[in-house]
Amino acid sequence: MSEKELLSLGKWAEKLELKANDLKKQVKELEIEPSKMKGKCAYYSEEDLKPALEKLK
């Protein structure tokens, strides 16, 4: 079983060629919870972000 890729919102924005602030705004509006927290850093899977990505398209 492969592990899902967990990245910060900034890294997802960079990878998907989106504006980080737009992605962060959608995540906040949709109240999407991160898959993992490490200290203050939040990590999301692409599956977690699907609703936000749909709104940004």
C-alpha atoms as a PDB file:
ATOM      1  CA  MET A   1       0.000   0.000   0.000  1.00  0.00           C
ATOM      2  CA  SER A   2       1.426   3.357  -0.983  1.00  0.00           C
ATOM      3  CA  GLU A   3       1.411   6.262   1.421  1.00  0.00           C
ATOM      4  CA  LYS A   4      -0.432   9.376   0.401  1.00  0.00           C
ATOM      5  CA  GLU A   5       1.736  12.397  -0.192  1.00  0.00           C
ATOM      6  CA  LEU A   6       1.416  14.967   2.590  1.00  0.00           C
ATOM      7  CA  LEU A   7       2.520  18.519   1.879  1.00  0.00           C
ATOM      8  CA  SER A   8       1.943  21.952   3.346  1.00  0.00           C
ATOM      9  CA  LEU A   9      -0.492  24.274   1.566  1.00  0.00           C
ATOM     10  CA  GLY A  10       2.402  26.321   0.225  1.00  0.00           C
ATOM     11  CA  LYS A  11       4.044  23.243  -1.302  1.00  0.00           C
ATOM     12  CA  TRP A  12       0.727  22.065  -2.798  1.00  0.00           C
ATOM     13  CA  ALA A  13       0.172  25.511  -4.316  1.00  0.00           C
ATOM     14  CA  GLU A  14       3.671  25.447  -5.827  1.00  0.00           C
ATOM     15  CA  LYS A  15       3.258  21.909  -7.155  1.00  0.00           C
ATOM     16  CA  LEU A  16      -0.178  22.629  -8.658  1.00  0.00           C
ATOM     17  CA  GLU A  17       0.849  26.068  -9.935  1.00  0.00           C
ATOM     18  CA  LEU A  18      -1.725  27.931  -7.842  1.00  0.00           C
ATOM     19  CA  LYS A  19      -1.499  31.050  -5.723  1.00  0.00           C
ATOM     20  CA  ALA A  20      -0.836  29.991  -2.135  1.00  0.00           C
ATOM     21  CA  ASN A  21      -3.179  32.644  -0.707  1.00  0.00           C
ATOM     22  CA  ASP A  22      -6.062  31.458  -2.905  1.00  0.00           C
ATOM     23  CA  LEU A  23      -5.596  27.868  -1.768  1.00  0.00           C
ATOM     24  CA  LYS A  24      -5.297  28.875   1.900  1.00  0.00           C
ATOM     25  CA  LYS A  25      -8.467  30.970   1.622  1.00  0.00           C
ATOM     26  CA  GLN A  26     -10.460  28.048   0.181  1.00  0.00           C
ATOM     27  CA  VAL A  27      -9.178  25.645   2.842  1.00  0.00           C
ATOM     28  CA  LYS A  28     -10.209  28.089   5.567  1.00  0.00           C
ATOM     29  CA  GLU A  29     -13.658  28.744   4.023  1.00  0.00           C
ATOM     30  CA  LEU A  30     -14.349  25.015   3.625  1.00  0.00           C
ATOM     31  CA  GLU A  31     -12.905  24.254   7.083  1.00  0.00           C
ATOM     32  CA  ILE A  32     -10.707  21.465   5.736  1.00  0.00           C
ATOM     33  CA  GLU A  33      -8.743  19.720   8.456  1.00  0.00           C
ATOM     34  CA  PRO A  34      -5.135  18.631   7.821  1.00  0.00           C
ATOM     35  CA  SER A  35      -4.211  14.957   7.661  1.00  0.00           C
ATOM     36  CA  LYS A  36      -1.283  15.543   9.999  1.00  0.00           C
ATOM     37  CA  MET A  37       0.027  18.225  12.300  1.00  0.00           C
ATOM     38  CA  LYS A  38       3.696  18.470  13.184  1.00  0.00           C
ATOM     39  CA  GLY A  39       4.137  21.247  15.696  1.00  0.00           C
ATOM     40  CA  LYS A  40       2.386  24.233  14.130  1.00  0.00           C
ATOM     41  CA  CYS A  41       2.770  22.895  10.583  1.00  0.00           C
ATOM     42  CA  ALA A  42      -0.264  21.405   8.858  1.00  0.00           C
ATOM     43  CA  TYR A  43       0.111  18.761   6.162  1.00  0.00           C
ATOM     44  CA  TYR A  44      -2.609  17.870   3.669  1.00  0.00           C
ATOM     45  CA  SER A  45      -3.086  15.093   1.138  1.00  0.00           C
ATOM     46  CA  GLU A  46      -4.334  15.828  -2.360  1.00  0.00           C
ATOM     47  CA  GLU A  47      -7.531  13.992  -1.390  1.00  0.00           C
ATOM     48  CA  ASP A  48      -8.046  16.406   1.534  1.00  0.00           C
ATOM     49  CA  LEU A  49      -7.773  19.361  -0.824  1.00  0.00           C
ATOM     50  CA  LYS A  50     -10.136  18.103  -3.558  1.00  0.00           C
ATOM     51  CA  PRO A  51     -13.070  20.344  -2.491  1.00  0.00           C
ATOM     52  CA  ALA A  52     -10.823  23.429  -2.444  1.00  0.00           C
ATOM     53  CA  LEU A  53      -9.233  22.563  -5.787  1.00  0.00           C
ATOM     54  CA  GLU A  54     -12.682  22.132  -7.358  1.00  0.00           C
ATOM     55  CA  LYS A  55     -13.632  25.666  -6.297  1.00  0.00           C
ATOM     56  CA  LEU A  56     -10.393  27.120  -7.681  1.00  0.00           C
ATOM     57  CA  LYS A  57     -10.901  25.670 -11.179  1.00  0.00           C
END
